[in-house]
ModelCIF file with pLDDT and N, C-alpha, C, O atoms, coordinates in Angstrom:
data_MODEL
#
_entry.id   MODEL 
#
_entity.id                         1 
_entity.type                       polymer 
_entity.pdbx_number_of_molecules   1 
#
_entity_poly.entity_id                      1 
_entity_poly.type                           'polypeptide(L)' 
_entity_poly.nstd_linkage                   no 
_entity_poly.nstd_monomer                   no 
_entity_poly.pdbx_seq_one_letter_code       
;(UNK)(UNK)(UNK)(UNK)(UNK)(UNK)(UNK)(UNK)(UNK)(UNK)(UNK)(UNK)(UNK)(UNK)(UNK)(UNK)
(UNK)(UNK)(UNK)(UNK)(UNK)(UNK)(UNK)(UNK)(UNK)(UNK)(UNK)(UNK)(UNK)(UNK)(UNK)(UNK)
(UNK)
;
_entity_poly.pdbx_seq_one_letter_code_can   XXXXXXXXXXXXXXXXXXXXXXXXXXXXXXXXX 
_entity_poly.pdbx_strand_id                 A 
#
loop_
_entity_poly_seq.entity_id 
_entity_poly_seq.num 
_entity_poly_seq.mon_id 
_entity_poly_seq.hetero 
1 1  UNK n 
1 2  UNK n 
1 3  UNK n 
1 4  UNK n 
1 5  UNK n 
1 6  UNK n 
1 7  UNK n 
1 8  UNK n 
1 9  UNK n 
1 10 UNK n 
1 11 UNK n 
1 12 UNK n 
1 13 UNK n 
1 14 UNK n 
1 15 UNK n 
1 16 UNK n 
1 17 UNK n 
1 18 UNK n 
1 19 UNK n 
1 20 UNK n 
1 21 UNK n 
1 22 UNK n 
1 23 UNK n 
1 24 UNK n 
1 25 UNK n 
1 26 UNK n 
1 27 UNK n 
1 28 UNK n 
1 29 UNK n 
1 30 UNK n 
1 31 UNK n 
1 32 UNK n 
1 33 UNK n 
#
_struct_asym.id          A 
_struct_asym.entity_id   1 
#
loop_
_ma_qa_metric.id 
_ma_qa_metric.mode 
_ma_qa_metric.name 
_ma_qa_metric.software_group_id 
_ma_qa_metric.type 
1 global pLDDT . pLDDT 
2 local  pLDDT . pLDDT 
#
_ma_qa_metric_global.metric_id      1 
_ma_qa_metric_global.metric_value   94.76 
_ma_qa_metric_global.model_id       1 
_ma_qa_metric_global.ordinal_id     1 
#
loop_
_ma_qa_metric_local.label_asym_id 
_ma_qa_metric_local.label_comp_id 
_ma_qa_metric_local.label_seq_id 
_ma_qa_metric_local.metric_id 
_ma_qa_metric_local.metric_value 
_ma_qa_metric_local.model_id 
_ma_qa_metric_local.ordinal_id 
A UNK 1  2 94.00 1 1  
A UNK 2  2 92.00 1 2  
A UNK 3  2 91.00 1 3  
A UNK 4  2 93.00 1 4  
A UNK 5  2 95.00 1 5  
A UNK 6  2 95.00 1 6  
A UNK 7  2 95.00 1 7  
A UNK 8  2 96.00 1 8  
A UNK 9  2 97.00 1 9  
A UNK 10 2 96.00 1 10 
A UNK 11 2 96.00 1 11 
A UNK 12 2 96.00 1 12 
A UNK 13 2 96.00 1 13 
A UNK 14 2 95.00 1 14 
A UNK 15 2 95.00 1 15 
A UNK 16 2 95.00 1 16 
A UNK 17 2 96.00 1 17 
A UNK 18 2 95.00 1 18 
A UNK 19 2 96.00 1 19 
A UNK 20 2 97.00 1 20 
A UNK 21 2 96.00 1 21 
A UNK 22 2 96.00 1 22 
A UNK 23 2 96.00 1 23 
A UNK 24 2 95.00 1 24 
A UNK 25 2 94.00 1 25 
A UNK 26 2 94.00 1 26 
A UNK 27 2 94.00 1 27 
A UNK 28 2 94.00 1 28 
A UNK 29 2 95.00 1 29 
A UNK 30 2 93.00 1 30 
A UNK 31 2 93.00 1 31 
A UNK 32 2 94.00 1 32 
A UNK 33 2 92.00 1 33 
#
loop_
_atom_site.group_PDB 
_atom_site.id 
_atom_site.type_symbol 
_atom_site.label_atom_id 
_atom_site.label_alt_id 
_atom_site.label_comp_id 
_atom_site.label_asym_id 
_atom_site.label_entity_id 
_atom_site.label_seq_id 
_atom_site.pdbx_PDB_ins_code 
_atom_site.Cartn_x 
_atom_site.Cartn_y 
_atom_site.Cartn_z 
_atom_site.occupancy 
_atom_site.B_iso_or_equiv 
_atom_site.pdbx_formal_charge 
_atom_site.auth_seq_id 
_atom_site.auth_comp_id 
_atom_site.auth_asym_id 
_atom_site.auth_atom_id 
_atom_site.pdbx_PDB_model_num 
ATOM 1   N N  . UNK A 1 1  ? -55.104 -149.320 32.072 1.00 94.00 ? 1  UNK A N  1 
ATOM 2   C CA . UNK A 1 1  ? -56.243 -149.977 32.722 1.00 94.00 ? 1  UNK A CA 1 
ATOM 3   C C  . UNK A 1 1  ? -57.463 -149.912 31.812 1.00 94.00 ? 1  UNK A C  1 
ATOM 4   O O  . UNK A 1 1  ? -57.539 -149.086 30.902 1.00 94.00 ? 1  UNK A O  1 
ATOM 5   N N  . UNK A 1 2  ? -58.394 -150.783 32.074 1.00 92.00 ? 2  UNK A N  1 
ATOM 6   C CA . UNK A 1 2  ? -59.669 -150.759 31.376 1.00 92.00 ? 2  UNK A CA 1 
ATOM 7   C C  . UNK A 1 2  ? -59.574 -151.146 29.919 1.00 92.00 ? 2  UNK A C  1 
ATOM 8   O O  . UNK A 1 2  ? -58.655 -151.846 29.492 1.00 92.00 ? 2  UNK A O  1 
ATOM 9   N N  . UNK A 1 3  ? -60.551 -150.671 29.169 1.00 91.00 ? 3  UNK A N  1 
ATOM 10  C CA . UNK A 1 3  ? -60.644 -151.019 27.755 1.00 91.00 ? 3  UNK A CA 1 
ATOM 11  C C  . UNK A 1 3  ? -59.476 -150.528 26.932 1.00 91.00 ? 3  UNK A C  1 
ATOM 12  O O  . UNK A 1 3  ? -59.087 -151.173 25.958 1.00 91.00 ? 3  UNK A O  1 
ATOM 13  N N  . UNK A 1 4  ? -58.911 -149.394 27.310 1.00 93.00 ? 4  UNK A N  1 
ATOM 14  C CA . UNK A 1 4  ? -57.785 -148.850 26.544 1.00 93.00 ? 4  UNK A CA 1 
ATOM 15  C C  . UNK A 1 4  ? -56.571 -149.768 26.628 1.00 93.00 ? 4  UNK A C  1 
ATOM 16  O O  . UNK A 1 4  ? -55.779 -149.842 25.689 1.00 93.00 ? 4  UNK A O  1 
ATOM 17  N N  . UNK A 1 5  ? -56.425 -150.468 27.753 1.00 95.00 ? 5  UNK A N  1 
ATOM 18  C CA . UNK A 1 5  ? -55.307 -151.404 27.912 1.00 95.00 ? 5  UNK A CA 1 
ATOM 19  C C  . UNK A 1 5  ? -55.387 -152.516 26.869 1.00 95.00 ? 5  UNK A C  1 
ATOM 20  O O  . UNK A 1 5  ? -54.379 -152.885 26.265 1.00 95.00 ? 5  UNK A O  1 
ATOM 21  N N  . UNK A 1 6  ? -56.573 -153.038 26.666 1.00 95.00 ? 6  UNK A N  1 
ATOM 22  C CA . UNK A 1 6  ? -56.749 -154.110 25.681 1.00 95.00 ? 6  UNK A CA 1 
ATOM 23  C C  . UNK A 1 6  ? -56.471 -153.611 24.264 1.00 95.00 ? 6  UNK A C  1 
ATOM 24  O O  . UNK A 1 6  ? -55.886 -154.329 23.454 1.00 95.00 ? 6  UNK A O  1 
ATOM 25  N N  . UNK A 1 7  ? -56.891 -152.377 23.967 1.00 95.00 ? 7  UNK A N  1 
ATOM 26  C CA . UNK A 1 7  ? -56.654 -151.816 22.629 1.00 95.00 ? 7  UNK A CA 1 
ATOM 27  C C  . UNK A 1 7  ? -55.161 -151.627 22.366 1.00 95.00 ? 7  UNK A C  1 
ATOM 28  O O  . UNK A 1 7  ? -54.660 -151.990 21.302 1.00 95.00 ? 7  UNK A O  1 
ATOM 29  N N  . UNK A 1 8  ? -54.459 -151.057 23.338 1.00 96.00 ? 8  UNK A N  1 
ATOM 30  C CA . UNK A 1 8  ? -53.012 -150.873 23.171 1.00 96.00 ? 8  UNK A CA 1 
ATOM 31  C C  . UNK A 1 8  ? -52.290 -152.218 23.086 1.00 96.00 ? 8  UNK A C  1 
ATOM 32  O O  . UNK A 1 8  ? -51.389 -152.393 22.266 1.00 96.00 ? 8  UNK A O  1 
ATOM 33  N N  . UNK A 1 9  ? -52.687 -153.161 23.933 1.00 97.00 ? 9  UNK A N  1 
ATOM 34  C CA . UNK A 1 9  ? -52.062 -154.484 23.945 1.00 97.00 ? 9  UNK A CA 1 
ATOM 35  C C  . UNK A 1 9  ? -52.176 -155.121 22.565 1.00 97.00 ? 9  UNK A C  1 
ATOM 36  O O  . UNK A 1 9  ? -51.196 -155.626 22.016 1.00 97.00 ? 9  UNK A O  1 
ATOM 37  N N  . UNK A 1 10 ? -53.363 -155.090 22.024 1.00 96.00 ? 10 UNK A N  1 
ATOM 38  C CA . UNK A 1 10 ? -53.592 -155.709 20.710 1.00 96.00 ? 10 UNK A CA 1 
ATOM 39  C C  . UNK A 1 10 ? -52.795 -155.001 19.614 1.00 96.00 ? 10 UNK A C  1 
ATOM 40  O O  . UNK A 1 10 ? -52.183 -155.653 18.768 1.00 96.00 ? 10 UNK A O  1 
ATOM 41  N N  . UNK A 1 11 ? -52.805 -153.670 19.631 1.00 96.00 ? 11 UNK A N  1 
ATOM 42  C CA . UNK A 1 11 ? -52.077 -152.916 18.603 1.00 96.00 ? 11 UNK A CA 1 
ATOM 43  C C  . UNK A 1 11 ? -50.571 -153.169 18.701 1.00 96.00 ? 11 UNK A C  1 
ATOM 44  O O  . UNK A 1 11 ? -49.900 -153.355 17.685 1.00 96.00 ? 11 UNK A O  1 
ATOM 45  N N  . UNK A 1 12 ? -50.052 -153.176 19.914 1.00 96.00 ? 12 UNK A N  1 
ATOM 46  C CA . UNK A 1 12 ? -48.615 -153.417 20.104 1.00 96.00 ? 12 UNK A CA 1 
ATOM 47  C C  . UNK A 1 12 ? -48.220 -154.814 19.640 1.00 96.00 ? 12 UNK A C  1 
ATOM 48  O O  . UNK A 1 12 ? -47.196 -154.989 18.980 1.00 96.00 ? 12 UNK A O  1 
ATOM 49  N N  . UNK A 1 13 ? -49.036 -155.808 19.988 1.00 96.00 ? 13 UNK A N  1 
ATOM 50  C CA . UNK A 1 13 ? -48.726 -157.177 19.561 1.00 96.00 ? 13 UNK A CA 1 
ATOM 51  C C  . UNK A 1 13 ? -48.798 -157.310 18.046 1.00 96.00 ? 13 UNK A C  1 
ATOM 52  O O  . UNK A 1 13 ? -47.955 -157.973 17.441 1.00 96.00 ? 13 UNK A O  1 
ATOM 53  N N  . UNK A 1 14 ? -49.792 -156.689 17.432 1.00 95.00 ? 14 UNK A N  1 
ATOM 54  C CA . UNK A 1 14 ? -49.901 -156.764 15.971 1.00 95.00 ? 14 UNK A CA 1 
ATOM 55  C C  . UNK A 1 14 ? -48.729 -156.072 15.280 1.00 95.00 ? 14 UNK A C  1 
ATOM 56  O O  . UNK A 1 14 ? -48.371 -156.422 14.156 1.00 95.00 ? 14 UNK A O  1 
ATOM 57  N N  . UNK A 1 15 ? -48.127 -155.081 15.961 1.00 95.00 ? 15 UNK A N  1 
ATOM 58  C CA . UNK A 1 15 ? -46.971 -154.385 15.400 1.00 95.00 ? 15 UNK A CA 1 
ATOM 59  C C  . UNK A 1 15 ? -45.668 -155.142 15.665 1.00 95.00 ? 15 UNK A C  1 
ATOM 60  O O  . UNK A 1 15 ? -44.598 -154.700 15.245 1.00 95.00 ? 15 UNK A O  1 
ATOM 61  N N  . UNK A 1 16 ? -45.754 -156.279 16.357 1.00 95.00 ? 16 UNK A N  1 
ATOM 62  C CA . UNK A 1 16 ? -44.582 -157.116 16.568 1.00 95.00 ? 16 UNK A CA 1 
ATOM 63  C C  . UNK A 1 16 ? -43.882 -156.931 17.900 1.00 95.00 ? 16 UNK A C  1 
ATOM 64  O O  . UNK A 1 16 ? -42.798 -157.479 18.102 1.00 95.00 ? 16 UNK A O  1 
ATOM 65  N N  . UNK A 1 17 ? -44.471 -156.171 18.817 1.00 96.00 ? 17 UNK A N  1 
ATOM 66  C CA . UNK A 1 17 ? -43.861 -155.983 20.136 1.00 96.00 ? 17 UNK A CA 1 
ATOM 67  C C  . UNK A 1 17 ? -44.196 -157.156 21.049 1.00 96.00 ? 17 UNK A C  1 
ATOM 68  O O  . UNK A 1 17 ? -45.242 -157.790 20.912 1.00 96.00 ? 17 UNK A O  1 
ATOM 69  N N  . UNK A 1 18 ? -43.297 -157.430 21.975 1.00 95.00 ? 18 UNK A N  1 
ATOM 70  C CA . UNK A 1 18 ? -43.543 -158.391 23.044 1.00 95.00 ? 18 UNK A CA 1 
ATOM 71  C C  . UNK A 1 18 ? -44.055 -157.571 24.228 1.00 95.00 ? 18 UNK A C  1 
ATOM 72  O O  . UNK A 1 18 ? -43.333 -156.723 24.752 1.00 95.00 ? 18 UNK A O  1 
ATOM 73  N N  . UNK A 1 19 ? -45.298 -157.818 24.652 1.00 96.00 ? 19 UNK A N  1 
ATOM 74  C CA . UNK A 1 19 ? -45.960 -156.956 25.633 1.00 96.00 ? 19 UNK A CA 1 
ATOM 75  C C  . UNK A 1 19 ? -46.090 -157.629 26.996 1.00 96.00 ? 19 UNK A C  1 
ATOM 76  O O  . UNK A 1 19 ? -46.588 -158.749 27.107 1.00 96.00 ? 19 UNK A O  1 
ATOM 77  N N  . UNK A 1 20 ? -45.633 -156.921 28.032 1.00 97.00 ? 20 UNK A N  1 
ATOM 78  C CA . UNK A 1 20 ? -45.907 -157.285 29.419 1.00 97.00 ? 20 UNK A CA 1 
ATOM 79  C C  . UNK A 1 20 ? -46.876 -156.229 29.928 1.00 97.00 ? 20 UNK A C  1 
ATOM 80  O O  . UNK A 1 20 ? -46.589 -155.033 29.878 1.00 97.00 ? 20 UNK A O  1 
ATOM 81  N N  . UNK A 1 21 ? -48.021 -156.678 30.415 1.00 96.00 ? 21 UNK A N  1 
ATOM 82  C CA . UNK A 1 21 ? -49.079 -155.743 30.805 1.00 96.00 ? 21 UNK A CA 1 
ATOM 83  C C  . UNK A 1 21 ? -49.164 -155.622 32.320 1.00 96.00 ? 21 UNK A C  1 
ATOM 84  O O  . UNK A 1 21 ? -49.195 -156.625 33.032 1.00 96.00 ? 21 UNK A O  1 
ATOM 85  N N  . UNK A 1 22 ? -49.203 -154.376 32.810 1.00 96.00 ? 22 UNK A N  1 
ATOM 86  C CA . UNK A 1 22 ? -49.386 -154.080 34.231 1.00 96.00 ? 22 UNK A CA 1 
ATOM 87  C C  . UNK A 1 22 ? -50.618 -153.204 34.358 1.00 96.00 ? 22 UNK A C  1 
ATOM 88  O O  . UNK A 1 22 ? -50.743 -152.194 33.665 1.00 96.00 ? 22 UNK A O  1 
ATOM 89  N N  . UNK A 1 23 ? -51.528 -153.588 35.244 1.00 96.00 ? 23 UNK A N  1 
ATOM 90  C CA . UNK A 1 23 ? -52.742 -152.803 35.456 1.00 96.00 ? 23 UNK A CA 1 
ATOM 91  C C  . UNK A 1 23 ? -52.375 -151.479 36.126 1.00 96.00 ? 23 UNK A C  1 
ATOM 92  O O  . UNK A 1 23 ? -51.762 -151.480 37.194 1.00 96.00 ? 23 UNK A O  1 
ATOM 93  N N  . UNK A 1 24 ? -52.737 -150.364 35.523 1.00 95.00 ? 24 UNK A N  1 
ATOM 94  C CA . UNK A 1 24 ? -52.377 -149.039 36.036 1.00 95.00 ? 24 UNK A CA 1 
ATOM 95  C C  . UNK A 1 24 ? -53.002 -148.758 37.391 1.00 95.00 ? 24 UNK A C  1 
ATOM 96  O O  . UNK A 1 24 ? -52.380 -148.114 38.236 1.00 95.00 ? 24 UNK A O  1 
ATOM 97  N N  . UNK A 1 25 ? -54.216 -149.227 37.613 1.00 94.00 ? 25 UNK A N  1 
ATOM 98  C CA . UNK A 1 25 ? -54.871 -148.989 38.902 1.00 94.00 ? 25 UNK A CA 1 
ATOM 99  C C  . UNK A 1 25 ? -54.153 -149.741 40.017 1.00 94.00 ? 25 UNK A C  1 
ATOM 100 O O  . UNK A 1 25 ? -53.945 -149.201 41.103 1.00 94.00 ? 25 UNK A O  1 
ATOM 101 N N  . UNK A 1 26 ? -53.778 -150.983 39.747 1.00 94.00 ? 26 UNK A N  1 
ATOM 102 C CA . UNK A 1 26 ? -53.017 -151.756 40.738 1.00 94.00 ? 26 UNK A CA 1 
ATOM 103 C C  . UNK A 1 26 ? -51.661 -151.114 41.006 1.00 94.00 ? 26 UNK A C  1 
ATOM 104 O O  . UNK A 1 26 ? -51.220 -151.048 42.154 1.00 94.00 ? 26 UNK A O  1 
ATOM 105 N N  . UNK A 1 27 ? -50.999 -150.642 39.951 1.00 94.00 ? 27 UNK A N  1 
ATOM 106 C CA . UNK A 1 27 ? -49.688 -150.011 40.109 1.00 94.00 ? 27 UNK A CA 1 
ATOM 107 C C  . UNK A 1 27 ? -49.801 -148.723 40.927 1.00 94.00 ? 27 UNK A C  1 
ATOM 108 O O  . UNK A 1 27 ? -48.943 -148.441 41.764 1.00 94.00 ? 27 UNK A O  1 
ATOM 109 N N  . UNK A 1 28 ? -50.849 -147.947 40.688 1.00 94.00 ? 28 UNK A N  1 
ATOM 110 C CA . UNK A 1 28 ? -51.053 -146.706 41.444 1.00 94.00 ? 28 UNK A CA 1 
ATOM 111 C C  . UNK A 1 28 ? -51.290 -146.989 42.921 1.00 94.00 ? 28 UNK A C  1 
ATOM 112 O O  . UNK A 1 28 ? -50.695 -146.353 43.791 1.00 94.00 ? 28 UNK A O  1 
ATOM 113 N N  . UNK A 1 29 ? -52.169 -147.952 43.193 1.00 95.00 ? 29 UNK A N  1 
ATOM 114 C CA . UNK A 1 29 ? -52.430 -148.312 44.592 1.00 95.00 ? 29 UNK A CA 1 
ATOM 115 C C  . UNK A 1 29 ? -51.162 -148.816 45.270 1.00 95.00 ? 29 UNK A C  1 
ATOM 116 O O  . UNK A 1 29 ? -50.875 -148.447 46.409 1.00 95.00 ? 29 UNK A O  1 
ATOM 117 N N  . UNK A 1 30 ? -50.411 -149.649 44.580 1.00 93.00 ? 30 UNK A N  1 
ATOM 118 C CA . UNK A 1 30 ? -49.167 -150.173 45.138 1.00 93.00 ? 30 UNK A CA 1 
ATOM 119 C C  . UNK A 1 30 ? -48.164 -149.061 45.428 1.00 93.00 ? 30 UNK A C  1 
ATOM 120 O O  . UNK A 1 30 ? -47.496 -149.077 46.462 1.00 93.00 ? 30 UNK A O  1 
ATOM 121 N N  . UNK A 1 31 ? -48.058 -148.103 44.520 1.00 93.00 ? 31 UNK A N  1 
ATOM 122 C CA . UNK A 1 31 ? -47.148 -146.977 44.725 1.00 93.00 ? 31 UNK A CA 1 
ATOM 123 C C  . UNK A 1 31 ? -47.568 -146.107 45.894 1.00 93.00 ? 31 UNK A C  1 
ATOM 124 O O  . UNK A 1 31 ? -46.731 -145.667 46.682 1.00 93.00 ? 31 UNK A O  1 
ATOM 125 N N  . UNK A 1 32 ? -48.869 -145.857 46.008 1.00 94.00 ? 32 UNK A N  1 
ATOM 126 C CA . UNK A 1 32 ? -49.368 -145.068 47.133 1.00 94.00 ? 32 UNK A CA 1 
ATOM 127 C C  . UNK A 1 32 ? -49.133 -145.785 48.458 1.00 94.00 ? 32 UNK A C  1 
ATOM 128 O O  . UNK A 1 32 ? -48.749 -145.162 49.449 1.00 94.00 ? 32 UNK A O  1 
ATOM 129 N N  . UNK A 1 33 ? -49.362 -147.085 48.472 1.00 92.00 ? 33 UNK A N  1 
ATOM 130 C CA . UNK A 1 33 ? -49.139 -147.871 49.686 1.00 92.00 ? 33 UNK A CA 1 
ATOM 131 C C  . UNK A 1 33 ? -47.664 -147.837 50.081 1.00 92.00 ? 33 UNK A C  1 
ATOM 132 O O  . UNK A 1 33 ? -47.278 -148.442 51.081 1.00 92.00 ? 33 UNK A O  1 
#
């Protein structure tokens, strides 16, 4: 989540990974629900 998500996304893509991004805050709320 947040700014760190964008940094990791960019680094992973530049390293050649195919990235699917899930917001950690949304995932946490969904899991709690």
